[in-house]
């Protein structure tokens, strides 16, 4: 069962001390991170002049698709069927659950045929319903960016109910900031999601 907001908060306090700050996540060093401190105040970075975008993995010949070349690491698979694979990041996360749904075939959003697109809608709806019915889950945010890789992948971020201000799109950033929780609890929750999703078909792997 996912931790309550009180349990997560106590874990944060145990890491930082009462009123302490958690460390900056690696994303703070990214070139695409939009903020910087100027004269002691937080300000948006200066927008750079237009430039050619780098090729994504799977569409640039010099950057082959890792999923197609190496496959998905077997012990990261939560659930799978003939067309889809649901994975986890390999270890507990700051948010209760962070999952990624991939197509087996190398294709991207906008390239799915109607049947596969319909399957995506059904699987996503079931997955959100399953996770949001777990105790202490406030919402599941479904996110597709895809600027790094051309192989279809969609993120599912489950946030803790009542843990403020972990709300909205910044929840994905908070995932990298909040200390990870118990691996035992995390694996139990993965198993619950996998077995419930397999009620509609496919195989539970977690």
C-alpha atoms as a PDB file:
ATOM      1  CA  UNK A   1       0.000   0.000   0.000  1.00  0.00           C
ATOM      2  CA  UNK A   2       1.468   3.429  -0.922  1.00  0.00           C
ATOM      3  CA  UNK A   3       2.627   5.595   1.955  1.00  0.00           C
ATOM      4  CA  UNK A   4       0.393   8.339   3.328  1.00  0.00           C
ATOM      5  CA  UNK A   5       1.364  12.000   3.008  1.00  0.00           C
ATOM      6  CA  UNK A   6       2.278  11.974   6.700  1.00  0.00           C
ATOM      7  CA  UNK A   7       4.646   9.033   6.201  1.00  0.00           C
ATOM      8  CA  UNK A   8       6.313  10.633   3.183  1.00  0.00           C
ATOM      9  CA  UNK A   9       6.674  13.915   5.067  1.00  0.00           C
ATOM     10  CA  UNK A  10       8.294  12.188   8.031  1.00  0.00           C
ATOM     11  CA  UNK A  11      10.734  10.504   5.655  1.00  0.00           C
ATOM     12  CA  UNK A  12      11.629  13.899   4.188  1.00  0.00           C
ATOM     13  CA  UNK A  13      12.117  15.408   7.661  1.00  0.00           C
ATOM     14  CA  UNK A  14      14.321  12.453   8.629  1.00  0.00           C
ATOM     15  CA  UNK A  15      16.498  13.246   5.613  1.00  0.00           C
ATOM     16  CA  UNK A  16      16.707  17.035   5.928  1.00  0.00           C
ATOM     17  CA  UNK A  17      15.783  17.906   9.492  1.00  0.00           C
ATOM     18  CA  UNK A  18      12.733  19.968  10.412  1.00  0.00           C
ATOM     19  CA  UNK A  19      12.444  22.861   7.967  1.00  0.00           C
ATOM     20  CA  UNK A  20      15.430  21.698   5.927  1.00  0.00           C
ATOM     21  CA  UNK A  21      15.668  21.674   2.147  1.00  0.00           C
ATOM     22  CA  UNK A  22      16.098  18.648  -0.043  1.00  0.00           C
ATOM     23  CA  UNK A  23      19.040  18.756  -2.496  1.00  0.00           C
ATOM     24  CA  UNK A  24      18.654  20.057  -6.029  1.00  0.00           C
ATOM     25  CA  UNK A  25      17.897  17.237  -8.506  1.00  0.00           C
ATOM     26  CA  UNK A  26      20.085  16.576 -11.577  1.00  0.00           C
ATOM     27  CA  UNK A  27      17.519  18.304 -13.804  1.00  0.00           C
ATOM     28  CA  UNK A  28      18.664  21.604 -12.298  1.00  0.00           C
ATOM     29  CA  UNK A  29      21.868  21.231 -14.322  1.00  0.00           C
ATOM     30  CA  UNK A  30      20.138  20.506 -17.638  1.00  0.00           C
ATOM     31  CA  UNK A  31      20.547  23.017 -20.456  1.00  0.00           C
ATOM     32  CA  UNK A  32      16.774  22.912 -20.921  1.00  0.00           C
ATOM     33  CA  UNK A  33      16.039  23.709 -17.252  1.00  0.00           C
ATOM     34  CA  UNK A  34      14.166  27.041 -17.583  1.00  0.00           C
ATOM     35  CA  UNK A  35      15.216  28.826 -14.370  1.00  0.00           C
ATOM     36  CA  UNK A  36      18.334  30.461 -12.968  1.00  0.00           C
ATOM     37  CA  UNK A  37      19.151  32.804 -10.089  1.00  0.00           C
ATOM     38  CA  UNK A  38      19.848  36.392 -11.163  1.00  0.00           C
ATOM     39  CA  UNK A  39      20.762  39.010  -8.529  1.00  0.00           C
ATOM     40  CA  UNK A  40      19.399  36.771  -5.814  1.00  0.00           C
ATOM     41  CA  UNK A  41      16.031  36.181  -7.489  1.00  0.00           C
ATOM     42  CA  UNK A  42      14.733  33.279  -9.535  1.00  0.00           C
ATOM     43  CA  UNK A  43      14.306  34.258 -13.190  1.00  0.00           C
ATOM     44  CA  UNK A  44      13.670  32.508 -16.515  1.00  0.00           C
ATOM     45  CA  UNK A  45      16.780  31.800 -18.552  1.00  0.00           C
ATOM     46  CA  UNK A  46      17.403  33.917 -21.629  1.00  0.00           C
ATOM     47  CA  UNK A  47      15.973  32.218 -24.733  1.00  0.00           C
ATOM     48  CA  UNK A  48      18.724  31.332 -27.180  1.00  0.00           C
ATOM     49  CA  UNK A  49      18.520  32.054 -30.943  1.00  0.00           C
ATOM     50  CA  UNK A  50      16.832  29.360 -33.092  1.00  0.00           C
ATOM     51  CA  UNK A  51      18.969  26.346 -34.004  1.00  0.00           C
ATOM     52  CA  UNK A  52      18.623  22.906 -35.561  1.00  0.00           C
ATOM     53  CA  UNK A  53      17.159  20.401 -33.129  1.00  0.00           C
ATOM     54  CA  UNK A  54      19.299  17.348 -32.339  1.00  0.00           C
ATOM     55  CA  UNK A  55      18.059  14.065 -33.776  1.00  0.00           C
ATOM     56  CA  UNK A  56      16.192  11.803 -31.404  1.00  0.00           C
ATOM     57  CA  UNK A  57      17.253   8.280 -30.546  1.00  0.00           C
ATOM     58  CA  UNK A  58      15.632   6.046 -33.119  1.00  0.00           C
ATOM     59  CA  UNK A  59      15.439   8.591 -35.925  1.00  0.00           C
ATOM     60  CA  UNK A  60      19.081   9.730 -36.191  1.00  0.00           C
ATOM     61  CA  UNK A  61      21.277   7.029 -37.837  1.00  0.00           C
ATOM     62  CA  UNK A  62      24.041   7.883 -35.367  1.00  0.00           C
ATOM     63  CA  UNK A  63      21.667   7.342 -32.407  1.00  0.00           C
ATOM     64  CA  UNK A  64      19.886   3.979 -32.772  1.00  0.00           C
ATOM     65  CA  UNK A  65      16.800   3.188 -30.691  1.00  0.00           C
ATOM     66  CA  UNK A  66      18.000   1.522 -27.511  1.00  0.00           C
ATOM     67  CA  UNK A  67      14.754  -0.393 -27.015  1.00  0.00           C
ATOM     68  CA  UNK A  68      14.930  -1.874 -30.511  1.00  0.00           C
ATOM     69  CA  UNK A  69      18.659  -2.679 -30.337  1.00  0.00           C
ATOM     70  CA  UNK A  70      18.982  -3.910 -26.755  1.00  0.00           C
ATOM     71  CA  UNK A  71      15.395  -4.715 -25.789  1.00  0.00           C
ATOM     72  CA  UNK A  72      13.751  -3.826 -22.490  1.00  0.00           C
ATOM     73  CA  UNK A  73      15.446  -5.044 -19.314  1.00  0.00           C
ATOM     74  CA  UNK A  74      13.335  -8.024 -18.261  1.00  0.00           C
ATOM     75  CA  UNK A  75      13.253  -7.249 -14.541  1.00  0.00           C
ATOM     76  CA  UNK A  76      11.791  -3.799 -15.244  1.00  0.00           C
ATOM     77  CA  UNK A  77       8.682  -5.184 -16.929  1.00  0.00           C
ATOM     78  CA  UNK A  78       5.500  -4.780 -14.876  1.00  0.00           C
ATOM     79  CA  UNK A  79       3.019  -6.110 -17.448  1.00  0.00           C
ATOM     80  CA  UNK A  80       3.092  -6.969 -21.140  1.00  0.00           C
ATOM     81  CA  UNK A  81       1.045  -8.307 -24.018  1.00  0.00           C
ATOM     82  CA  UNK A  82       1.522  -8.798 -27.748  1.00  0.00           C
ATOM     83  CA  UNK A  83       1.690  -5.074 -28.537  1.00  0.00           C
ATOM     84  CA  UNK A  84       2.523  -3.268 -25.290  1.00  0.00           C
ATOM     85  CA  UNK A  85       5.065  -3.287 -22.453  1.00  0.00           C
ATOM     86  CA  UNK A  86       4.625  -1.482 -19.113  1.00  0.00           C
ATOM     87  CA  UNK A  87       7.870  -0.822 -17.219  1.00  0.00           C
ATOM     88  CA  UNK A  88       9.193   0.756 -14.018  1.00  0.00           C
ATOM     89  CA  UNK A  89      12.462   2.731 -13.611  1.00  0.00           C
ATOM     90  CA  UNK A  90      14.317  -0.102 -11.856  1.00  0.00           C
ATOM     91  CA  UNK A  91      14.141   1.212  -8.300  1.00  0.00           C
ATOM     92  CA  UNK A  92      11.768   3.051  -5.940  1.00  0.00           C
ATOM     93  CA  UNK A  93      10.984   6.652  -6.830  1.00  0.00           C
ATOM     94  CA  UNK A  94      10.110   9.833  -4.962  1.00  0.00           C
ATOM     95  CA  UNK A  95       6.505   9.549  -6.103  1.00  0.00           C
ATOM     96  CA  UNK A  96       4.653   6.358  -5.119  1.00  0.00           C
ATOM     97  CA  UNK A  97       4.689   4.961  -8.670  1.00  0.00           C
ATOM     98  CA  UNK A  98       6.280   6.062 -11.930  1.00  0.00           C
ATOM     99  CA  UNK A  99       5.521   3.798 -14.891  1.00  0.00           C
ATOM    100  CA  UNK A 100       6.120   3.937 -18.634  1.00  0.00           C
ATOM    101  CA  UNK A 101       4.006   2.332 -21.356  1.00  0.00           C
ATOM    102  CA  UNK A 102       5.839   1.419 -24.590  1.00  0.00           C
ATOM    103  CA  UNK A 103       4.782  -0.055 -27.906  1.00  0.00           C
ATOM    104  CA  UNK A 104       6.712  -3.132 -28.991  1.00  0.00           C
ATOM    105  CA  UNK A 105       6.894  -1.856 -32.567  1.00  0.00           C
ATOM    106  CA  UNK A 106       9.068   1.161 -33.323  1.00  0.00           C
ATOM    107  CA  UNK A 107       6.468   3.846 -33.945  1.00  0.00           C
ATOM    108  CA  UNK A 108       5.510   7.139 -32.376  1.00  0.00           C
ATOM    109  CA  UNK A 109       2.361   9.038 -31.472  1.00  0.00           C
ATOM    110  CA  UNK A 110       0.635  10.036 -34.682  1.00  0.00           C
ATOM    111  CA  UNK A 111       1.864   6.851 -36.370  1.00  0.00           C
ATOM    112  CA  UNK A 112      -0.307   4.340 -34.485  1.00  0.00           C
ATOM    113  CA  UNK A 113      -3.037   2.651 -36.488  1.00  0.00           C
ATOM    114  CA  UNK A 114      -6.583   2.959 -35.171  1.00  0.00           C
ATOM    115  CA  UNK A 115      -6.592  -0.414 -33.417  1.00  0.00           C
ATOM    116  CA  UNK A 116      -3.319   0.198 -31.552  1.00  0.00           C
ATOM    117  CA  UNK A 117      -4.412   3.742 -30.692  1.00  0.00           C
ATOM    118  CA  UNK A 118      -7.675   2.354 -29.298  1.00  0.00           C
ATOM    119  CA  UNK A 119      -5.725  -0.166 -27.237  1.00  0.00           C
ATOM    120  CA  UNK A 120      -3.601   2.655 -25.832  1.00  0.00           C
ATOM    121  CA  UNK A 121      -6.724   4.482 -24.703  1.00  0.00           C
ATOM    122  CA  UNK A 122      -8.190   1.408 -23.036  1.00  0.00           C
ATOM    123  CA  UNK A 123      -4.947   0.389 -21.313  1.00  0.00           C
ATOM    124  CA  UNK A 124      -4.283   3.939 -20.099  1.00  0.00           C
ATOM    125  CA  UNK A 125      -7.803   4.295 -18.719  1.00  0.00           C
ATOM    126  CA  UNK A 126      -7.554   0.977 -16.880  1.00  0.00           C
ATOM    127  CA  UNK A 127      -4.100   1.779 -15.555  1.00  0.00           C
ATOM    128  CA  UNK A 128      -5.142   5.175 -14.203  1.00  0.00           C
ATOM    129  CA  UNK A 129      -8.249   3.665 -12.607  1.00  0.00           C
ATOM    130  CA  UNK A 130      -6.220   0.891 -10.949  1.00  0.00           C
ATOM    131  CA  UNK A 131      -3.565   3.224  -9.552  1.00  0.00           C
ATOM    132  CA  UNK A 132      -5.999   5.923  -8.402  1.00  0.00           C
ATOM    133  CA  UNK A 133      -7.902   3.282  -6.423  1.00  0.00           C
ATOM    134  CA  UNK A 134      -4.779   2.447  -4.404  1.00  0.00           C
ATOM    135  CA  UNK A 135      -4.786   3.988  -0.913  1.00  0.00           C
ATOM    136  CA  UNK A 136      -3.137   7.423  -0.541  1.00  0.00           C
ATOM    137  CA  UNK A 137      -2.958   8.187  -4.276  1.00  0.00           C
ATOM    138  CA  UNK A 138      -4.276  11.640  -5.168  1.00  0.00           C
ATOM    139  CA  UNK A 139      -3.976  11.559  -8.944  1.00  0.00           C
ATOM    140  CA  UNK A 140      -2.153   9.914 -11.830  1.00  0.00           C
ATOM    141  CA  UNK A 141      -0.649  12.344 -14.338  1.00  0.00           C
ATOM    142  CA  UNK A 142      -0.205  10.964 -17.863  1.00  0.00           C
ATOM    143  CA  UNK A 143       2.609  12.617 -19.816  1.00  0.00           C
ATOM    144  CA  UNK A 144       4.091  12.271 -23.279  1.00  0.00           C
ATOM    145  CA  UNK A 145       7.140  14.358 -24.224  1.00  0.00           C
ATOM    146  CA  UNK A 146       9.275  12.338 -26.612  1.00  0.00           C
ATOM    147  CA  UNK A 147      11.996  14.891 -27.410  1.00  0.00           C
ATOM    148  CA  UNK A 148      14.722  12.379 -26.556  1.00  0.00           C
ATOM    149  CA  UNK A 149      13.503   9.194 -28.206  1.00  0.00           C
ATOM    150  CA  UNK A 150      11.327   8.372 -31.214  1.00  0.00           C
ATOM    151  CA  UNK A 151       9.966   5.071 -29.843  1.00  0.00           C
ATOM    152  CA  UNK A 152       6.450   5.527 -28.395  1.00  0.00           C
ATOM    153  CA  UNK A 153       6.565   5.916 -24.612  1.00  0.00           C
ATOM    154  CA  UNK A 154       4.105   7.532 -22.211  1.00  0.00           C
ATOM    155  CA  UNK A 155       4.734   8.257 -18.522  1.00  0.00           C
ATOM    156  CA  UNK A 156       2.308   7.661 -15.643  1.00  0.00           C
ATOM    157  CA  UNK A 157       3.168   9.658 -12.499  1.00  0.00           C
ATOM    158  CA  UNK A 158       1.165   8.779  -9.370  1.00  0.00           C
ATOM    159  CA  UNK A 159       1.299  11.496  -6.710  1.00  0.00           C
ATOM    160  CA  UNK A 160       0.649  11.172  -2.980  1.00  0.00           C
ATOM    161  CA  UNK A 161      -2.719  12.506  -1.805  1.00  0.00           C
ATOM    162  CA  UNK A 162      -2.376  15.490   0.519  1.00  0.00           C
ATOM    163  CA  UNK A 163       1.372  16.023   0.053  1.00  0.00           C
ATOM    164  CA  UNK A 164       1.523  19.731  -0.732  1.00  0.00           C
ATOM    165  CA  UNK A 165       2.714  21.289  -3.028  1.00  0.00           C
ATOM    166  CA  UNK A 166       3.323  18.144  -5.095  1.00  0.00           C
ATOM    167  CA  UNK A 167       0.583  18.965  -7.596  1.00  0.00           C
ATOM    168  CA  UNK A 168       0.221  19.407 -11.350  1.00  0.00           C
ATOM    169  CA  UNK A 169       3.058  19.254 -13.840  1.00  0.00           C
ATOM    170  CA  UNK A 170       5.798  19.970 -11.228  1.00  0.00           C
ATOM    171  CA  UNK A 171       5.005  16.559  -9.689  1.00  0.00           C
ATOM    172  CA  UNK A 172       7.368  15.044 -12.268  1.00  0.00           C
ATOM    173  CA  UNK A 173      10.167  17.260 -10.921  1.00  0.00           C
ATOM    174  CA  UNK A 174       9.296  16.445  -7.317  1.00  0.00           C
ATOM    175  CA  UNK A 175       9.787  12.791  -8.206  1.00  0.00           C
ATOM    176  CA  UNK A 176      13.517  13.515  -8.575  1.00  0.00           C
ATOM    177  CA  UNK A 177      13.619  15.543  -5.339  1.00  0.00           C
ATOM    178  CA  UNK A 178      11.709  13.463  -2.765  1.00  0.00           C
ATOM    179  CA  UNK A 179      13.785  10.624  -1.238  1.00  0.00           C
ATOM    180  CA  UNK A 180      12.648   7.200  -2.520  1.00  0.00           C
ATOM    181  CA  UNK A 181      10.406   5.097  -0.314  1.00  0.00           C
ATOM    182  CA  UNK A 182      10.506   1.461   0.774  1.00  0.00           C
ATOM    183  CA  UNK A 183      11.393  -1.080  -1.904  1.00  0.00           C
ATOM    184  CA  UNK A 184       9.114  -3.653  -0.253  1.00  0.00           C
ATOM    185  CA  UNK A 185       6.091  -1.334  -0.428  1.00  0.00           C
ATOM    186  CA  UNK A 186       6.991  -0.304  -3.982  1.00  0.00           C
ATOM    187  CA  UNK A 187       7.212  -3.891  -5.225  1.00  0.00           C
ATOM    188  CA  UNK A 188       3.919  -4.786  -3.553  1.00  0.00           C
ATOM    189  CA  UNK A 189       2.237  -1.879  -5.350  1.00  0.00           C
ATOM    190  CA  UNK A 190       3.787  -2.889  -8.687  1.00  0.00           C
ATOM    191  CA  UNK A 191       2.440  -6.404  -8.169  1.00  0.00           C
ATOM    192  CA  UNK A 192      -1.044  -5.063  -7.420  1.00  0.00           C
ATOM    193  CA  UNK A 193      -1.039  -2.952 -10.584  1.00  0.00           C
ATOM    194  CA  UNK A 194       0.297  -5.796 -12.732  1.00  0.00           C
ATOM    195  CA  UNK A 195      -2.180  -8.408 -11.539  1.00  0.00           C
ATOM    196  CA  UNK A 196      -5.188  -6.096 -11.818  1.00  0.00           C
ATOM    197  CA  UNK A 197      -4.201  -4.951 -15.315  1.00  0.00           C
ATOM    198  CA  UNK A 198      -3.801  -8.576 -16.405  1.00  0.00           C
ATOM    199  CA  UNK A 199      -7.504  -9.155 -15.683  1.00  0.00           C
ATOM    200  CA  UNK A 200      -8.116  -7.652 -19.156  1.00  0.00           C
ATOM    201  CA  UNK A 201      -5.389  -9.722 -20.804  1.00  0.00           C
ATOM    202  CA  UNK A 202      -1.630  -9.770 -21.032  1.00  0.00           C
ATOM    203  CA  UNK A 203       0.777 -11.105 -18.414  1.00  0.00           C
ATOM    204  CA  UNK A 204       1.705  -9.706 -15.003  1.00  0.00           C
ATOM    205  CA  UNK A 205       5.488  -9.701 -14.530  1.00  0.00           C
ATOM    206  CA  UNK A 206       5.961  -7.739 -11.292  1.00  0.00           C
END
